PDB file of N, CA and C in Angstrom:
ATOM      1  N   MET A   1     -40.282 -36.124 -26.977  1.00  0.00           N
ATOM      2  CA  MET A   1     -39.986 -35.925 -25.569  1.00  0.00           C
ATOM      3  C   MET A   1     -38.756 -36.752 -25.193  1.00  0.00           C
ATOM      4  N   LYS A   2     -37.825 -36.127 -24.519  1.00  0.00           N
ATOM      5  CA  LYS A   2     -36.608 -36.813 -24.110  1.00  0.00           C
ATOM      6  C   LYS A   2     -36.901 -37.756 -22.947  1.00  0.00           C
ATOM      7  N   LYS A   3     -36.180 -38.871 -22.940  1.00  0.00           N
ATOM      8  CA  LYS A   3     -36.287 -39.826 -21.835  1.00  0.00           C
ATOM      9  C   LYS A   3     -34.901 -40.038 -21.248  1.00  0.00           C
ATOM     10  N   TYR A   4     -34.877 -40.282 -19.954  1.00  0.00           N
ATOM     11  CA  TYR A   4     -33.606 -40.453 -19.249  1.00  0.00           C
ATOM     12  C   TYR A   4     -33.627 -41.731 -18.427  1.00  0.00           C
ATOM     13  N   GLU A   5     -32.440 -42.256 -18.195  1.00  0.00           N
ATOM     14  CA  GLU A   5     -32.294 -43.353 -17.254  1.00  0.00           C
ATOM     15  C   GLU A   5     -31.370 -42.866 -16.146  1.00  0.00           C
ATOM     16  N   TYR A   6     -31.510 -43.478 -14.985  1.00  0.00           N
ATOM     17  CA  TYR A   6     -30.748 -43.043 -13.818  1.00  0.00           C
ATOM     18  C   TYR A   6     -29.979 -44.207 -13.211  1.00  0.00           C
ATOM     19  N   LYS A   7     -28.858 -43.874 -12.633  1.00  0.00           N
ATOM     20  CA  LYS A   7     -27.999 -44.861 -11.983  1.00  0.00           C
ATOM     21  C   LYS A   7     -27.640 -44.309 -10.601  1.00  0.00           C
ATOM     22  N   PHE A   8     -27.712 -45.181  -9.599  1.00  0.00           N
ATOM     23  CA  PHE A   8     -27.428 -44.783  -8.224  1.00  0.00           C
ATOM     24  C   PHE A   8     -26.227 -45.577  -7.723  1.00  0.00           C
ATOM     25  N   VAL A   9     -25.225 -44.873  -7.227  1.00  0.00           N
ATOM     26  CA  VAL A   9     -24.023 -45.516  -6.700  1.00  0.00           C
ATOM     27  C   VAL A   9     -23.844 -45.062  -5.259  1.00  0.00           C
ATOM     28  N   GLU A  10     -23.683 -46.029  -4.365  1.00  0.00           N
ATOM     29  CA  GLU A  10     -23.511 -45.713  -2.943  1.00  0.00           C
ATOM     30  C   GLU A  10     -22.044 -45.880  -2.545  1.00  0.00           C
ATOM     31  N   ILE A  11     -21.495 -44.836  -1.947  1.00  0.00           N
ATOM     32  CA  ILE A  11     -20.118 -44.859  -1.461  1.00  0.00           C
ATOM     33  C   ILE A  11     -20.183 -44.800   0.061  1.00  0.00           C
ATOM     34  N   PRO A  12     -19.748 -45.862   0.755  1.00  0.00           N
ATOM     35  CA  PRO A  12     -19.761 -45.827   2.223  1.00  0.00           C
ATOM     36  C   PRO A  12     -18.866 -44.714   2.755  1.00  0.00           C
ATOM     37  N   ARG A  13     -19.323 -44.054   3.774  1.00  0.00           N
ATOM     38  CA  ARG A  13     -18.528 -43.000   4.416  1.00  0.00           C
ATOM     39  C   ARG A  13     -17.510 -43.672   5.307  1.00  0.00           C
ATOM     40  N   ARG A  14     -16.279 -43.334   5.110  1.00  0.00           N
ATOM     41  CA  ARG A  14     -15.208 -43.923   5.917  1.00  0.00           C
ATOM     42  C   ARG A  14     -14.978 -43.050   7.135  1.00  0.00           C
ATOM     43  N   ALA A  15     -14.829 -43.699   8.254  1.00  0.00           N
ATOM     44  CA  ALA A  15     -14.616 -42.951   9.496  1.00  0.00           C
ATOM     45  C   ALA A  15     -13.578 -43.678  10.329  1.00  0.00           C
ATOM     46  N   GLY A  16     -13.012 -42.973  11.259  1.00  0.00           N
ATOM     47  CA  GLY A  16     -12.052 -43.596  12.162  1.00  0.00           C
ATOM     48  C   GLY A  16     -10.735 -42.861  12.168  1.00  0.00           C
ATOM     49  N   MET A  17      -9.917 -43.214  13.115  1.00  0.00           N
ATOM     50  CA  MET A  17      -8.635 -42.555  13.316  1.00  0.00           C
ATOM     51  C   MET A  17      -7.642 -42.851  12.183  1.00  0.00           C
ATOM     52  N   LYS A  18      -7.726 -44.035  11.575  1.00  0.00           N
ATOM     53  CA  LYS A  18      -6.724 -44.445  10.595  1.00  0.00           C
ATOM     54  C   LYS A  18      -7.020 -43.961   9.177  1.00  0.00           C
ATOM     55  N   VAL A  19      -8.202 -43.401   8.964  1.00  0.00           N
ATOM     56  CA  VAL A  19      -8.575 -42.960   7.621  1.00  0.00           C
ATOM     57  C   VAL A  19      -7.986 -41.581   7.347  1.00  0.00           C
ATOM     58  N   LYS A  20      -7.355 -41.440   6.195  1.00  0.00           N
ATOM     59  CA  LYS A  20      -6.786 -40.150   5.810  1.00  0.00           C
ATOM     60  C   LYS A  20      -7.906 -39.174   5.473  1.00  0.00           C
ATOM     61  N   THR A  21      -7.710 -37.929   5.808  1.00  0.00           N
ATOM     62  CA  THR A  21      -8.692 -36.898   5.492  1.00  0.00           C
ATOM     63  C   THR A  21      -8.883 -36.823   3.982  1.00  0.00           C
ATOM     64  N   GLY A  22     -10.131 -36.825   3.549  1.00  0.00           N
ATOM     65  CA  GLY A  22     -10.435 -36.699   2.132  1.00  0.00           C
ATOM     66  C   GLY A  22     -10.487 -38.016   1.379  1.00  0.00           C
ATOM     67  N   GLU A  23     -10.264 -39.141   2.045  1.00  0.00           N
ATOM     68  CA  GLU A  23     -10.255 -40.436   1.363  1.00  0.00           C
ATOM     69  C   GLU A  23     -11.614 -40.744   0.731  1.00  0.00           C
ATOM     70  N   THR A  24     -12.691 -40.477   1.446  1.00  0.00           N
ATOM     71  CA  THR A  24     -14.031 -40.733   0.907  1.00  0.00           C
ATOM     72  C   THR A  24     -14.307 -39.813  -0.282  1.00  0.00           C
ATOM     73  N   PHE A  25     -13.879 -38.566  -0.182  1.00  0.00           N
ATOM     74  CA  PHE A  25     -14.057 -37.617  -1.285  1.00  0.00           C
ATOM     75  C   PHE A  25     -13.317 -38.092  -2.527  1.00  0.00           C
ATOM     76  N   GLU A  26     -12.114 -38.589  -2.344  1.00  0.00           N
ATOM     77  CA  GLU A  26     -11.333 -39.098  -3.470  1.00  0.00           C
ATOM     78  C   GLU A  26     -12.029 -40.296  -4.119  1.00  0.00           C
ATOM     79  N   GLU A  27     -12.630 -41.156  -3.320  1.00  0.00           N
ATOM     80  CA  GLU A  27     -13.384 -42.296  -3.849  1.00  0.00           C
ATOM     81  C   GLU A  27     -14.570 -41.804  -4.680  1.00  0.00           C
ATOM     82  N   CYS A  28     -15.269 -40.781  -4.200  1.00  0.00           N
ATOM     83  CA  CYS A  28     -16.392 -40.201  -4.947  1.00  0.00           C
ATOM     84  C   CYS A  28     -15.913 -39.631  -6.281  1.00  0.00           C
ATOM     85  N   LYS A  29     -14.801 -38.931  -6.271  1.00  0.00           N
ATOM     86  CA  LYS A  29     -14.261 -38.362  -7.505  1.00  0.00           C
ATOM     87  C   LYS A  29     -13.940 -39.445  -8.525  1.00  0.00           C
ATOM     88  N   LYS A  30     -13.342 -40.544  -8.068  1.00  0.00           N
ATOM     89  CA  LYS A  30     -13.003 -41.647  -8.973  1.00  0.00           C
ATOM     90  C   LYS A  30     -14.259 -42.225  -9.626  1.00  0.00           C
ATOM     91  N   VAL A  31     -15.308 -42.400  -8.831  1.00  0.00           N
ATOM     92  CA  VAL A  31     -16.563 -42.943  -9.360  1.00  0.00           C
ATOM     93  C   VAL A  31     -17.175 -41.982 -10.373  1.00  0.00           C
ATOM     94  N   ILE A  32     -17.198 -40.701 -10.058  1.00  0.00           N
ATOM     95  CA  ILE A  32     -17.788 -39.699 -10.956  1.00  0.00           C
ATOM     96  C   ILE A  32     -17.043 -39.662 -12.287  1.00  0.00           C
ATOM     97  N   ILE A  33     -15.728 -39.678 -12.246  1.00  0.00           N
ATOM     98  CA  ILE A  33     -14.921 -39.646 -13.474  1.00  0.00           C
ATOM     99  C   ILE A  33     -15.137 -40.917 -14.294  1.00  0.00           C
ATOM    100  N   ALA A  34     -15.148 -42.071 -13.634  1.00  0.00           N
ATOM    101  CA  ALA A  34     -15.340 -43.344 -14.341  1.00  0.00           C
ATOM    102  C   ALA A  34     -16.708 -43.413 -15.002  1.00  0.00           C
ATOM    103  N   GLU A  35     -17.739 -42.956 -14.312  1.00  0.00           N
ATOM    104  CA  GLU A  35     -19.090 -42.993 -14.881  1.00  0.00           C
ATOM    105  C   GLU A  35     -19.235 -41.985 -16.020  1.00  0.00           C
ATOM    106  N   ALA A  36     -18.593 -40.833 -15.914  1.00  0.00           N
ATOM    107  CA  ALA A  36     -18.636 -39.833 -16.983  1.00  0.00           C
ATOM    108  C   ALA A  36     -18.023 -40.396 -18.265  1.00  0.00           C
ATOM    109  N   GLU A  37     -16.995 -41.203 -18.126  1.00  0.00           N
ATOM    110  CA  GLU A  37     -16.375 -41.828 -19.294  1.00  0.00           C
ATOM    111  C   GLU A  37     -17.321 -42.821 -19.968  1.00  0.00           C
ATOM    112  N   GLN A  38     -18.308 -43.313 -19.234  1.00  0.00           N
ATOM    113  CA  GLN A  38     -19.293 -44.249 -19.773  1.00  0.00           C
ATOM    114  C   GLN A  38     -20.562 -43.532 -20.263  1.00  0.00           C
ATOM    115  N   GLY A  39     -20.526 -42.200 -20.266  1.00  0.00           N
ATOM    116  CA  GLY A  39     -21.650 -41.431 -20.793  1.00  0.00           C
ATOM    117  C   GLY A  39     -22.662 -40.975 -19.752  1.00  0.00           C
ATOM    118  N   TRP A  40     -22.383 -41.200 -18.475  1.00  0.00           N
ATOM    119  CA  TRP A  40     -23.298 -40.774 -17.415  1.00  0.00           C
ATOM    120  C   TRP A  40     -22.957 -39.364 -16.979  1.00  0.00           C
ATOM    121  N   ARG A  41     -23.984 -38.589 -16.684  1.00  0.00           N
ATOM    122  CA  ARG A  41     -23.831 -37.213 -16.207  1.00  0.00           C
ATOM    123  C   ARG A  41     -24.178 -37.158 -14.724  1.00  0.00           C
ATOM    124  N   LEU A  42     -23.335 -36.501 -13.945  1.00  0.00           N
ATOM    125  CA  LEU A  42     -23.612 -36.343 -12.516  1.00  0.00           C
ATOM    126  C   LEU A  42     -24.868 -35.502 -12.350  1.00  0.00           C
ATOM    127  N   LYS A  43     -25.828 -36.029 -11.596  1.00  0.00           N
ATOM    128  CA  LYS A  43     -27.078 -35.307 -11.348  1.00  0.00           C
ATOM    129  C   LYS A  43     -27.082 -34.707  -9.951  1.00  0.00           C
ATOM    130  N   GLN A  44     -26.716 -35.539  -8.947  1.00  0.00           N
ATOM    131  CA  GLN A  44     -26.786 -35.066  -7.564  1.00  0.00           C
ATOM    132  C   GLN A  44     -26.012 -36.006  -6.649  1.00  0.00           C
ATOM    133  N   VAL A  45     -25.517 -35.463  -5.546  1.00  0.00           N
ATOM    134  CA  VAL A  45     -24.914 -36.261  -4.486  1.00  0.00           C
ATOM    135  C   VAL A  45     -25.768 -36.058  -3.237  1.00  0.00           C
ATOM    136  N   VAL A  46     -26.204 -37.159  -2.637  1.00  0.00           N
ATOM    137  CA  VAL A  46     -27.085 -37.118  -1.468  1.00  0.00           C
ATOM    138  C   VAL A  46     -26.355 -37.759  -0.291  1.00  0.00           C
ATOM    139  N   THR A  47     -26.529 -37.190   0.893  1.00  0.00           N
ATOM    140  CA  THR A  47     -25.953 -37.779   2.104  1.00  0.00           C
ATOM    141  C   THR A  47     -27.092 -38.162   3.044  1.00  0.00           C
ATOM    142  N   PRO A  48     -27.597 -39.397   2.913  1.00  0.00           N
ATOM    143  CA  PRO A  48     -28.709 -39.832   3.765  1.00  0.00           C
ATOM    144  C   PRO A  48     -28.253 -40.074   5.200  1.00  0.00           C
ATOM    145  N   PHE A  49     -29.196 -40.028   6.114  1.00  0.00           N
ATOM    146  CA  PHE A  49     -28.925 -40.273   7.522  1.00  0.00           C
ATOM    147  C   PHE A  49     -29.540 -41.594   7.951  1.00  0.00           C
ATOM    148  N   ASP A  50     -28.929 -42.234   8.921  1.00  0.00           N
ATOM    149  CA  ASP A  50     -29.417 -43.509   9.437  1.00  0.00           C
ATOM    150  C   ASP A  50     -30.512 -43.235  10.458  1.00  0.00           C
ATOM    151  N   GLU A  51     -31.754 -43.460  10.046  1.00  0.00           N
ATOM    152  CA  GLU A  51     -32.898 -43.181  10.918  1.00  0.00           C
ATOM    153  C   GLU A  51     -33.047 -44.222  12.025  1.00  0.00           C
ATOM    154  N   LYS A  52     -32.503 -45.411  11.833  1.00  0.00           N
ATOM    155  CA  LYS A  52     -32.644 -46.493  12.811  1.00  0.00           C
ATOM    156  C   LYS A  52     -31.932 -46.171  14.126  1.00  0.00           C
ATOM    157  N   THR A  53     -30.771 -45.537  14.027  1.00  0.00           N
ATOM    158  CA  THR A  53     -29.992 -45.248  15.233  1.00  0.00           C
ATOM    159  C   THR A  53     -30.463 -43.980  15.936  1.00  0.00           C
ATOM    160  N   GLY A  54     -31.161 -43.123  15.214  1.00  0.00           N
ATOM    161  CA  GLY A  54     -31.605 -41.871  15.803  1.00  0.00           C
ATOM    162  C   GLY A  54     -30.504 -40.825  15.837  1.00  0.00           C
ATOM    163  N   VAL A  55     -29.329 -41.183  15.329  1.00  0.00           N
ATOM    164  CA  VAL A  55     -28.208 -40.249  15.287  1.00  0.00           C
ATOM    165  C   VAL A  55     -28.138 -39.683  13.877  1.00  0.00           C
ATOM    166  N   PHE A  56     -28.113 -38.384  13.775  1.00  0.00           N
ATOM    167  CA  PHE A  56     -28.102 -37.750  12.468  1.00  0.00           C
ATOM    168  C   PHE A  56     -26.680 -37.607  11.952  1.00  0.00           C
ATOM    169  N   VAL A  57     -26.114 -38.758  11.565  1.00  0.00           N
ATOM    170  CA  VAL A  57     -24.776 -38.809  11.002  1.00  0.00           C
ATOM    171  C   VAL A  57     -24.884 -39.523   9.659  1.00  0.00           C
ATOM    172  N   SER A  58     -24.319 -38.933   8.650  1.00  0.00           N
ATOM    173  CA  SER A  58     -24.363 -39.536   7.324  1.00  0.00           C
ATOM    174  C   SER A  58     -23.498 -40.789   7.309  1.00  0.00           C
ATOM    175  N   TYR A  59     -24.038 -41.888   6.790  1.00  0.00           N
ATOM    176  CA  TYR A  59     -23.299 -43.145   6.747  1.00  0.00           C
ATOM    177  C   TYR A  59     -22.752 -43.445   5.353  1.00  0.00           C
ATOM    178  N   CYS A  60     -23.178 -42.655   4.339  1.00  0.00           N
ATOM    179  CA  CYS A  60     -22.689 -42.878   2.984  1.00  0.00           C
ATOM    180  C   CYS A  60     -22.991 -41.647   2.129  1.00  0.00           C
ATOM    181  N   TYR A  61     -22.491 -41.713   0.905  1.00  0.00           N
ATOM    182  CA  TYR A  61     -22.851 -40.736  -0.117  1.00  0.00           C
ATOM    183  C   TYR A  61     -23.540 -41.515  -1.224  1.00  0.00           C
ATOM    184  N   GLN A  62     -24.674 -41.057  -1.671  1.00  0.00           N
ATOM    185  CA  GLN A  62     -25.347 -41.670  -2.796  1.00  0.00           C
ATOM    186  C   GLN A  62     -25.194 -40.720  -3.979  1.00  0.00           C
ATOM    187  N   ILE A  63     -24.534 -41.222  -5.008  1.00  0.00           N
ATOM    188  CA  ILE A  63     -24.262 -40.415  -6.190  1.00  0.00           C
ATOM    189  C   ILE A  63     -25.267 -40.810  -7.263  1.00  0.00           C
ATOM    190  N   ILE A  64     -25.961 -39.834  -7.796  1.00  0.00           N
ATOM    191  CA  ILE A  64     -27.002 -40.088  -8.791  1.00  0.00           C
ATOM    192  C   ILE A  64     -26.518 -39.565 -10.139  1.00  0.00           C
ATOM    193  N   PHE A  65     -26.600 -40.458 -11.137  1.00  0.00           N
ATOM    194  CA  PHE A  65     -26.190 -40.117 -12.496  1.00  0.00           C
ATOM    195  C   PHE A  65     -27.400 -40.233 -13.415  1.00  0.00           C
ATOM    196  N   GLU A  66     -27.358 -39.509 -14.534  1.00  0.00           N
ATOM    197  CA  GLU A  66     -28.406 -39.638 -15.536  1.00  0.00           C
ATOM    198  C   GLU A  66     -27.786 -39.625 -16.916  1.00  0.00           C
ATOM    199  N   ARG A  67     -28.503 -40.215 -17.858  1.00  0.00           N
ATOM    200  CA  ARG A  67     -28.131 -40.102 -19.266  1.00  0.00           C
ATOM    201  C   ARG A  67     -29.393 -40.277 -20.108  1.00  0.00           C
ATOM    202  N   GLU A  68     -29.344 -39.652 -21.258  1.00  0.00           N
ATOM    203  CA  GLU A  68     -30.483 -39.701 -22.174  1.00  0.00           C
ATOM    204  C   GLU A  68     -30.556 -41.087 -22.806  1.00  0.00           C
ATOM    205  N   VAL A  69     -31.772 -41.604 -22.897  1.00  0.00           N
ATOM    206  CA  VAL A  69     -31.987 -42.927 -23.504  1.00  0.00           C
ATOM    207  C   VAL A  69     -32.168 -42.752 -24.996  1.00  0.00           C
TER     208      VAL A  69
END
């Protein structure tokens, strides 16, 4: 039976007038490429919401990687 390990990387969502469009996406791409070079496979990208504020706005991207042990 195959076994896997998982790695979770959180990328804060950048917001504001001074942030260039796509900057957060570019940061995610850099992380995905760097982790792939280390043998990790992209499993999923999740955009959680901040339940404390009651506002349904994503505050980050959580990137989930897996690799066979």
